[in-house]
């Protein structure tokens, strides 16, 4: 049996050809855990769970990774609002999220890394992007420098130049 998937770039259904048929790897961005799950969180989990289950019928080894974003402005705001420590909030809502997905019949990912466990790597990557003029700092934030990537917006079929809102020099 072969699997066809919609290729967002080409807009066509194409046969799935894994980079390594001996070990198929899937990554999906997981929830930001500051409140209860919503339809968007559930949709991602249900769709990827279904894909992983189908792939496991065709490939010997499939590893599914979906992160937990446990640091974010919304989480910091929730901590200030409730007076609870950030870890208390994120642990609570991670557990609720996983229980809710389980109630929907969704299996947990094989690996569920927490963003806070990878801050050092994120900082190093951000420094590299800034050094290569692919990102810049503005008003206390680091932003991606859209003109540095010719194909920015290609998957959403949006014109890169129409997405550049501010004129600035790096």
N, C-alpha and C. Protein backbone atom coordinates (compact mmCIF):
# COMPACT_ATOMS: atom_id res chain seq x y z
N UNK A 1 0.85 -1.18 0.00
CA UNK A 1 0.00 0.00 0.00
C UNK A 1 0.89 1.24 0.00
N UNK A 2 0.49 2.26 -0.76
CA UNK A 2 1.25 3.50 -0.74
C UNK A 2 0.38 4.65 -0.25
N UNK A 3 1.03 5.61 0.33
CA UNK A 3 0.35 6.74 0.95
C UNK A 3 0.55 7.98 0.10
N UNK A 4 -0.53 8.68 -0.18
CA UNK A 4 -0.45 9.96 -0.88
C UNK A 4 -0.85 11.06 0.09
N UNK A 5 -0.10 12.15 0.04
CA UNK A 5 -0.38 13.30 0.89
C UNK A 5 -0.43 14.56 0.02
N UNK A 6 -1.18 15.54 0.48
CA UNK A 6 -1.24 16.82 -0.23
C UNK A 6 0.06 17.57 0.03
N UNK A 7 0.78 17.93 -1.02
CA UNK A 7 1.99 18.73 -0.92
C UNK A 7 1.57 20.19 -0.94
N UNK A 8 1.76 20.89 0.17
CA UNK A 8 1.35 22.28 0.26
C UNK A 8 2.06 23.14 -0.78
N UNK A 9 3.30 22.83 -1.06
CA UNK A 9 4.07 23.64 -2.01
C UNK A 9 3.57 23.48 -3.44
N UNK A 10 3.39 22.24 -3.87
CA UNK A 10 2.96 22.00 -5.25
C UNK A 10 1.45 22.08 -5.42
N UNK A 11 0.71 21.90 -4.33
CA UNK A 11 -0.74 21.90 -4.40
C UNK A 11 -1.31 20.59 -4.93
N UNK A 12 -0.45 19.56 -5.05
CA UNK A 12 -0.88 18.29 -5.62
C UNK A 12 -0.72 17.16 -4.61
N UNK A 13 -1.50 16.09 -4.81
CA UNK A 13 -1.29 14.88 -4.02
C UNK A 13 -0.05 14.19 -4.57
N UNK A 14 0.81 13.77 -3.66
CA UNK A 14 2.05 13.11 -4.05
C UNK A 14 2.27 11.89 -3.17
N UNK A 15 2.95 10.90 -3.73
CA UNK A 15 3.28 9.71 -2.94
C UNK A 15 4.30 10.09 -1.89
N UNK A 16 4.07 9.62 -0.67
CA UNK A 16 4.98 9.87 0.44
C UNK A 16 6.23 9.03 0.28
N UNK A 17 7.39 9.69 0.27
CA UNK A 17 8.68 9.01 0.21
C UNK A 17 9.51 9.52 1.38
N UNK A 18 9.65 8.73 2.43
CA UNK A 18 10.42 9.20 3.58
C UNK A 18 11.91 9.33 3.26
N UNK A 19 12.55 10.25 3.95
CA UNK A 19 13.99 10.42 3.81
C UNK A 19 14.69 9.12 4.15
N UNK A 20 14.21 8.46 5.21
CA UNK A 20 14.78 7.19 5.65
C UNK A 20 13.62 6.22 5.89
N UNK A 21 13.37 5.29 4.97
CA UNK A 21 12.25 4.36 5.14
C UNK A 21 12.41 3.42 6.34
N UNK A 22 13.64 3.31 6.89
CA UNK A 22 13.85 2.47 8.07
C UNK A 22 13.47 3.19 9.36
N UNK A 23 13.34 4.52 9.29
CA UNK A 23 12.95 5.28 10.48
C UNK A 23 12.30 6.59 10.03
N UNK A 24 10.98 6.60 10.02
CA UNK A 24 10.22 7.79 9.64
C UNK A 24 10.08 8.66 10.89
N UNK A 25 10.39 9.95 10.72
CA UNK A 25 10.32 10.89 11.84
C UNK A 25 9.32 12.00 11.51
N UNK A 26 8.49 12.33 12.49
CA UNK A 26 7.49 13.38 12.32
C UNK A 26 7.62 14.35 13.49
N UNK A 27 7.58 15.65 13.17
CA UNK A 27 7.57 16.68 14.20
C UNK A 27 6.35 17.56 13.98
N UNK A 28 5.64 17.87 15.04
CA UNK A 28 4.52 18.80 14.97
C UNK A 28 4.61 19.75 16.16
N UNK A 29 4.41 21.01 15.89
CA UNK A 29 4.42 22.01 16.95
C UNK A 29 3.24 21.76 17.87
N UNK A 30 3.51 21.63 19.15
CA UNK A 30 2.47 21.33 20.13
C UNK A 30 1.90 22.58 20.77
N UNK A 31 1.15 22.39 21.84
CA UNK A 31 0.43 23.51 22.46
C UNK A 31 1.30 24.40 23.33
N UNK A 32 0.84 25.64 23.50
CA UNK A 32 1.37 26.54 24.50
C UNK A 32 0.47 26.37 25.72
N UNK A 33 1.05 25.91 26.82
CA UNK A 33 0.25 25.43 27.95
C UNK A 33 0.07 26.50 29.03
N UNK A 34 -0.91 27.38 28.78
CA UNK A 34 -1.24 28.42 29.76
C UNK A 34 -2.72 28.38 30.12
N UNK A 35 -3.49 27.57 29.38
CA UNK A 35 -4.92 27.47 29.59
C UNK A 35 -5.39 26.15 29.00
N UNK A 36 -6.69 25.92 29.02
CA UNK A 36 -7.25 24.68 28.50
C UNK A 36 -7.04 24.57 26.99
N UNK A 37 -7.01 23.34 26.51
CA UNK A 37 -6.86 23.09 25.07
C UNK A 37 -8.06 23.68 24.33
N UNK A 38 -7.83 24.02 23.06
CA UNK A 38 -8.90 24.54 22.23
C UNK A 38 -8.94 23.74 20.93
N UNK A 39 -9.85 24.06 20.05
CA UNK A 39 -10.02 23.30 18.81
C UNK A 39 -8.74 23.20 18.00
N UNK A 40 -7.97 24.29 17.93
CA UNK A 40 -6.72 24.28 17.17
C UNK A 40 -5.72 23.27 17.73
N UNK A 41 -5.60 23.22 19.07
CA UNK A 41 -4.71 22.23 19.70
C UNK A 41 -5.17 20.82 19.38
N UNK A 42 -6.48 20.61 19.51
CA UNK A 42 -7.03 19.26 19.29
C UNK A 42 -6.91 18.85 17.84
N UNK A 43 -7.16 19.78 16.91
CA UNK A 43 -7.07 19.46 15.49
C UNK A 43 -5.67 18.95 15.13
N UNK A 44 -4.65 19.69 15.58
CA UNK A 44 -3.27 19.29 15.31
C UNK A 44 -2.99 17.90 15.86
N UNK A 45 -3.42 17.66 17.08
CA UNK A 45 -3.14 16.37 17.73
C UNK A 45 -3.88 15.23 17.03
N UNK A 46 -5.14 15.43 16.70
CA UNK A 46 -5.94 14.38 16.05
C UNK A 46 -5.39 14.06 14.67
N UNK A 47 -5.10 15.08 13.88
CA UNK A 47 -4.59 14.87 12.52
C UNK A 47 -3.25 14.15 12.54
N UNK A 48 -2.34 14.60 13.41
CA UNK A 48 -1.02 13.96 13.45
C UNK A 48 -1.07 12.57 14.04
N UNK A 49 -1.96 12.34 14.99
CA UNK A 49 -2.13 10.99 15.54
C UNK A 49 -2.61 10.04 14.43
N UNK A 50 -3.55 10.49 13.64
CA UNK A 50 -4.05 9.67 12.53
C UNK A 50 -2.93 9.39 11.52
N UNK A 51 -2.15 10.41 11.18
CA UNK A 51 -1.05 10.22 10.24
C UNK A 51 -0.03 9.22 10.80
N UNK A 52 0.32 9.37 12.06
CA UNK A 52 1.29 8.46 12.68
C UNK A 52 0.76 7.02 12.67
N UNK A 53 -0.52 6.84 12.98
CA UNK A 53 -1.10 5.49 12.98
C UNK A 53 -1.06 4.87 11.58
N UNK A 54 -1.34 5.66 10.55
CA UNK A 54 -1.28 5.16 9.18
C UNK A 54 0.16 4.80 8.82
N UNK A 55 1.09 5.69 9.15
CA UNK A 55 2.51 5.42 8.84
C UNK A 55 3.01 4.16 9.54
N UNK A 56 2.54 3.92 10.74
CA UNK A 56 2.98 2.73 11.48
C UNK A 56 2.48 1.44 10.84
N UNK A 57 1.46 1.53 10.00
CA UNK A 57 1.01 0.33 9.28
C UNK A 57 1.91 0.02 8.09
N UNK A 58 2.71 1.02 7.67
CA UNK A 58 3.54 0.86 6.48
C UNK A 58 5.04 0.86 6.73
N UNK A 59 5.45 1.39 7.88
CA UNK A 59 6.88 1.50 8.17
C UNK A 59 7.17 0.89 9.53
N UNK A 60 8.33 0.23 9.59
CA UNK A 60 8.73 -0.50 10.78
C UNK A 60 8.93 0.41 11.99
N UNK A 61 9.55 1.57 11.77
CA UNK A 61 9.84 2.46 12.90
C UNK A 61 9.38 3.88 12.55
N UNK A 62 8.51 4.42 13.41
CA UNK A 62 8.01 5.78 13.25
C UNK A 62 8.17 6.48 14.60
N UNK A 63 8.81 7.64 14.60
CA UNK A 63 8.97 8.42 15.82
C UNK A 63 8.23 9.74 15.63
N UNK A 64 7.32 10.01 16.57
CA UNK A 64 6.52 11.22 16.52
C UNK A 64 6.90 12.11 17.70
N UNK A 65 7.31 13.34 17.37
CA UNK A 65 7.71 14.33 18.36
C UNK A 65 6.77 15.53 18.26
N UNK A 66 6.27 15.97 19.39
CA UNK A 66 5.46 17.19 19.45
C UNK A 66 5.81 17.91 20.75
N UNK A 67 6.23 19.15 20.62
CA UNK A 67 6.73 19.88 21.78
C UNK A 67 5.63 20.44 22.67
N UNK A 68 6.03 20.84 23.83
CA UNK A 68 5.20 21.61 24.76
C UNK A 68 5.88 22.97 24.90
N UNK A 69 5.17 24.03 24.53
CA UNK A 69 5.71 25.38 24.72
C UNK A 69 5.32 25.81 26.13
N UNK A 70 6.33 25.80 27.01
CA UNK A 70 6.07 26.10 28.41
C UNK A 70 6.72 27.40 28.85
N UNK A 71 7.01 28.26 27.89
CA UNK A 71 7.44 29.64 28.18
C UNK A 71 6.94 30.50 27.02
N UNK A 72 6.24 31.58 27.40
CA UNK A 72 5.58 32.40 26.40
C UNK A 72 4.99 33.61 27.13
N UNK A 73 4.76 34.70 26.43
CA UNK A 73 4.18 35.88 27.06
C UNK A 73 2.84 35.57 27.73
N UNK A 74 2.03 34.70 27.09
CA UNK A 74 0.72 34.36 27.67
C UNK A 74 0.89 33.60 29.00
N UNK A 75 1.92 32.79 29.07
CA UNK A 75 2.18 32.04 30.31
C UNK A 75 2.66 33.00 31.40
N UNK A 76 3.53 33.92 31.03
CA UNK A 76 4.03 34.91 31.99
C UNK A 76 2.86 35.76 32.50
N UNK A 77 1.99 36.18 31.58
CA UNK A 77 0.80 36.96 31.97
C UNK A 77 -0.10 36.17 32.91
N UNK A 78 -0.30 34.88 32.62
CA UNK A 78 -1.14 34.04 33.48
C UNK A 78 -0.51 33.92 34.87
N UNK A 79 0.81 33.84 34.92
CA UNK A 79 1.50 33.74 36.21
C UNK A 79 1.31 35.03 37.01
N UNK A 80 1.43 36.17 36.34
CA UNK A 80 1.23 37.45 37.03
C UNK A 80 -0.22 37.59 37.51
N UNK A 81 -1.15 37.15 36.68
CA UNK A 81 -2.58 37.27 36.99
C UNK A 81 -2.99 36.39 38.17
N UNK A 82 -2.46 35.16 38.20
CA UNK A 82 -2.88 34.21 39.23
C UNK A 82 -1.95 34.18 40.44
N UNK A 83 -0.73 34.68 40.27
CA UNK A 83 0.25 34.60 41.35
C UNK A 83 0.91 33.24 41.45
N UNK A 84 0.56 32.32 40.53
CA UNK A 84 1.16 30.98 40.53
C UNK A 84 2.49 30.99 39.78
N UNK A 85 3.39 30.15 40.21
CA UNK A 85 4.66 29.99 39.52
C UNK A 85 4.41 29.45 38.11
N UNK A 86 5.23 29.87 37.17
CA UNK A 86 5.08 29.44 35.78
C UNK A 86 5.08 27.92 35.66
N UNK A 87 5.95 27.25 36.38
CA UNK A 87 6.02 25.78 36.29
C UNK A 87 4.74 25.13 36.79
N UNK A 88 4.10 25.72 37.79
CA UNK A 88 2.84 25.18 38.30
C UNK A 88 1.78 25.26 37.21
N UNK A 89 1.70 26.42 36.55
CA UNK A 89 0.73 26.61 35.47
C UNK A 89 0.99 25.66 34.32
N UNK A 90 2.24 25.59 33.87
CA UNK A 90 2.54 24.78 32.69
C UNK A 90 2.42 23.29 32.97
N UNK A 91 2.80 22.85 34.16
CA UNK A 91 2.63 21.44 34.51
C UNK A 91 1.15 21.08 34.56
N UNK A 92 0.36 21.96 35.17
CA UNK A 92 -1.08 21.73 35.28
C UNK A 92 -1.72 21.61 33.89
N UNK A 93 -1.44 22.57 33.01
CA UNK A 93 -2.10 22.57 31.70
C UNK A 93 -1.51 21.56 30.73
N UNK A 94 -0.27 21.15 30.94
CA UNK A 94 0.28 20.04 30.15
C UNK A 94 -0.48 18.76 30.48
N UNK A 95 -0.68 18.53 31.78
CA UNK A 95 -1.42 17.33 32.20
C UNK A 95 -2.87 17.36 31.70
N UNK A 96 -3.50 18.51 31.81
CA UNK A 96 -4.89 18.64 31.33
C UNK A 96 -4.94 18.42 29.82
N UNK A 97 -4.00 19.02 29.09
CA UNK A 97 -3.96 18.85 27.63
C UNK A 97 -3.81 17.38 27.26
N UNK A 98 -2.84 16.71 27.87
CA UNK A 98 -2.61 15.29 27.55
C UNK A 98 -3.82 14.43 27.91
N UNK A 99 -4.47 14.73 29.04
CA UNK A 99 -5.68 14.00 29.42
C UNK A 99 -6.82 14.26 28.43
N UNK A 100 -6.97 15.51 28.02
CA UNK A 100 -8.02 15.85 27.04
C UNK A 100 -7.78 15.13 25.72
N UNK A 101 -6.54 15.11 25.25
CA UNK A 101 -6.24 14.44 23.98
C UNK A 101 -6.47 12.94 24.13
N UNK A 102 -6.11 12.39 25.28
CA UNK A 102 -6.35 10.97 25.54
C UNK A 102 -7.85 10.66 25.51
N UNK A 103 -8.67 11.57 26.05
CA UNK A 103 -10.13 11.38 26.03
C UNK A 103 -10.66 11.38 24.60
N UNK A 104 -9.94 12.04 23.69
CA UNK A 104 -10.32 12.04 22.28
C UNK A 104 -9.79 10.80 21.55
N UNK A 105 -9.05 9.96 22.26
CA UNK A 105 -8.47 8.76 21.65
C UNK A 105 -7.15 9.01 20.98
N UNK A 106 -6.53 10.15 21.26
CA UNK A 106 -5.25 10.52 20.66
C UNK A 106 -4.12 9.98 21.52
N UNK A 107 -3.17 9.29 20.88
CA UNK A 107 -2.00 8.79 21.60
C UNK A 107 -1.01 9.92 21.85
N UNK A 108 -0.30 9.85 22.97
CA UNK A 108 0.75 10.83 23.24
C UNK A 108 1.87 10.67 22.22
N UNK A 109 2.57 11.76 21.90
CA UNK A 109 3.75 11.63 21.04
C UNK A 109 4.79 10.72 21.71
N UNK A 110 5.67 10.17 20.90
CA UNK A 110 6.77 9.36 21.45
C UNK A 110 7.68 10.22 22.31
N UNK A 111 7.89 11.44 21.88
CA UNK A 111 8.74 12.38 22.61
C UNK A 111 7.97 13.69 22.70
N UNK A 112 7.94 14.28 23.89
CA UNK A 112 7.21 15.53 24.10
C UNK A 112 8.14 16.51 24.83
N UNK A 113 9.12 17.07 24.11
CA UNK A 113 10.07 17.97 24.76
C UNK A 113 9.42 19.28 25.20
N UNK A 114 9.95 19.81 26.28
CA UNK A 114 9.48 21.10 26.79
C UNK A 114 10.44 22.18 26.29
N UNK A 115 9.88 23.30 25.86
CA UNK A 115 10.71 24.39 25.34
C UNK A 115 11.77 24.83 26.34
N UNK A 116 11.41 24.89 27.62
CA UNK A 116 12.35 25.36 28.63
C UNK A 116 13.57 24.45 28.79
N UNK A 117 13.49 23.23 28.30
CA UNK A 117 14.64 22.33 28.35
C UNK A 117 15.63 22.61 27.23
N UNK A 118 15.28 23.54 26.34
CA UNK A 118 16.13 23.79 25.17
C UNK A 118 16.41 25.28 24.95
N UNK A 119 16.35 26.06 26.03
CA UNK A 119 16.57 27.50 25.94
C UNK A 119 17.98 27.81 25.42
N UNK A 120 18.98 27.09 25.91
CA UNK A 120 20.37 27.34 25.49
C UNK A 120 20.50 27.19 23.97
N UNK A 121 19.93 26.12 23.42
CA UNK A 121 20.00 25.89 21.98
C UNK A 121 19.25 26.97 21.21
N UNK A 122 18.12 27.42 21.75
CA UNK A 122 17.35 28.49 21.10
C UNK A 122 18.15 29.78 21.05
N UNK A 123 18.80 30.10 22.15
CA UNK A 123 19.60 31.33 22.21
C UNK A 123 20.75 31.26 21.20
N UNK A 124 21.41 30.12 21.12
CA UNK A 124 22.51 29.97 20.17
C UNK A 124 22.01 30.12 18.73
N UNK A 125 20.86 29.54 18.42
CA UNK A 125 20.29 29.66 17.08
C UNK A 125 19.90 31.10 16.78
N UNK A 126 19.31 31.78 17.74
CA UNK A 126 18.92 33.17 17.55
C UNK A 126 20.15 34.05 17.34
N UNK A 127 21.21 33.82 18.11
CA UNK A 127 22.46 34.57 17.92
C UNK A 127 23.00 34.37 16.51
N UNK A 128 22.95 33.13 16.05
CA UNK A 128 23.44 32.83 14.70
C UNK A 128 22.59 33.54 13.64
N UNK A 129 21.28 33.53 13.81
CA UNK A 129 20.39 34.22 12.86
C UNK A 129 20.68 35.72 12.83
N UNK A 130 20.93 36.31 14.01
CA UNK A 130 21.26 37.75 14.07
C UNK A 130 22.59 38.01 13.38
N UNK A 131 23.60 37.18 13.67
CA UNK A 131 24.92 37.33 13.05
C UNK A 131 24.84 37.24 11.52
N UNK A 132 23.95 36.40 11.01
CA UNK A 132 23.80 36.21 9.57
C UNK A 132 22.78 37.17 8.95
N UNK A 133 22.35 38.18 9.72
CA UNK A 133 21.36 39.16 9.26
C UNK A 133 20.04 38.53 8.81
N UNK A 134 19.68 37.44 9.46
CA UNK A 134 18.40 36.78 9.18
C UNK A 134 17.38 37.11 10.27
N UNK A 135 17.83 37.80 11.30
CA UNK A 135 16.96 38.24 12.39
C UNK A 135 17.56 39.53 12.94
N UNK A 136 16.73 40.28 13.66
CA UNK A 136 17.18 41.54 14.23
C UNK A 136 16.42 41.81 15.53
N UNK A 137 17.00 42.69 16.34
CA UNK A 137 16.36 43.07 17.60
C UNK A 137 15.63 44.39 17.42
N UNK A 138 14.42 44.48 17.98
CA UNK A 138 13.66 45.72 17.93
C UNK A 138 12.70 45.74 19.11
N UNK A 139 12.76 46.82 19.88
CA UNK A 139 11.85 47.03 21.01
C UNK A 139 11.80 45.83 21.95
N UNK A 140 12.97 45.25 22.25
CA UNK A 140 13.05 44.15 23.19
C UNK A 140 12.67 42.79 22.64
N UNK A 141 12.47 42.70 21.33
CA UNK A 141 12.11 41.43 20.69
C UNK A 141 13.11 41.10 19.59
N UNK A 142 13.21 39.83 19.28
CA UNK A 142 14.00 39.41 18.13
C UNK A 142 13.01 38.99 17.06
N UNK A 143 13.16 39.59 15.89
CA UNK A 143 12.23 39.35 14.79
C UNK A 143 12.97 38.77 13.60
N UNK A 144 12.29 37.92 12.84
CA UNK A 144 12.88 37.36 11.63
C UNK A 144 12.94 38.44 10.57
N UNK A 145 14.05 38.53 9.87
CA UNK A 145 14.24 39.52 8.80
C UNK A 145 13.71 38.92 7.49
N UNK A 146 12.45 39.20 7.22
CA UNK A 146 11.73 38.59 6.09
C UNK A 146 12.50 38.70 4.77
N UNK A 147 13.07 39.85 4.41
CA UNK A 147 13.78 39.92 3.12
C UNK A 147 14.99 38.99 3.01
N UNK A 148 15.44 38.42 4.12
CA UNK A 148 16.61 37.53 4.07
C UNK A 148 16.28 36.15 3.52
N UNK A 149 14.99 35.87 3.31
CA UNK A 149 14.58 34.54 2.85
C UNK A 149 13.66 34.72 1.64
N UNK A 150 14.21 34.47 0.45
CA UNK A 150 13.46 34.69 -0.79
C UNK A 150 12.14 33.94 -0.84
N UNK A 151 12.09 32.76 -0.25
CA UNK A 151 10.88 31.93 -0.33
C UNK A 151 9.92 32.14 0.83
N UNK A 152 10.12 33.20 1.61
CA UNK A 152 9.21 33.46 2.73
C UNK A 152 7.79 33.62 2.19
N UNK A 153 6.85 32.89 2.76
CA UNK A 153 5.45 32.98 2.36
C UNK A 153 5.04 32.03 1.26
N UNK A 154 5.99 31.26 0.74
CA UNK A 154 5.69 30.41 -0.42
C UNK A 154 4.66 29.32 -0.10
N UNK A 155 4.70 28.74 1.11
CA UNK A 155 3.74 27.70 1.45
C UNK A 155 2.32 28.24 1.61
N UNK A 156 2.21 29.49 2.07
CA UNK A 156 0.90 30.10 2.25
C UNK A 156 0.44 30.82 0.98
N UNK A 157 1.28 30.73 -0.07
CA UNK A 157 0.97 31.38 -1.36
C UNK A 157 0.83 32.89 -1.20
N UNK A 158 1.63 33.45 -0.29
CA UNK A 158 1.60 34.90 -0.08
C UNK A 158 2.88 35.51 -0.62
N UNK A 159 2.76 36.69 -1.14
CA UNK A 159 3.89 37.42 -1.70
C UNK A 159 4.76 37.93 -0.55
N UNK A 160 6.03 37.58 -0.60
CA UNK A 160 6.95 37.97 0.48
C UNK A 160 6.99 39.47 0.68
N UNK A 161 7.09 40.23 -0.40
CA UNK A 161 7.22 41.67 -0.29
C UNK A 161 5.98 42.33 0.31
N UNK A 162 4.83 41.73 0.13
CA UNK A 162 3.60 42.26 0.71
C UNK A 162 3.52 42.00 2.21
N UNK A 163 4.40 41.16 2.72
CA UNK A 163 4.39 40.82 4.15
C UNK A 163 5.40 41.64 4.94
N UNK A 164 6.13 42.50 4.27
CA UNK A 164 7.11 43.34 4.94
C UNK A 164 6.42 44.65 5.31
N UNK A 165 6.25 44.87 6.61
CA UNK A 165 5.47 46.02 7.08
C UNK A 165 6.32 47.22 7.48
N UNK A 166 7.54 46.99 7.88
CA UNK A 166 8.35 48.07 8.39
C UNK A 166 9.60 48.27 7.53
N UNK A 167 9.97 49.48 7.36
CA UNK A 167 11.20 49.80 6.64
C UNK A 167 12.26 50.07 7.70
N UNK A 168 13.38 49.40 7.61
CA UNK A 168 14.43 49.56 8.60
C UNK A 168 15.74 49.10 7.98
N UNK A 169 16.81 49.40 8.64
CA UNK A 169 18.12 48.91 8.19
C UNK A 169 18.73 48.12 9.33
N UNK A 170 19.44 47.10 8.96
CA UNK A 170 20.07 46.24 9.98
C UNK A 170 21.49 46.71 10.20
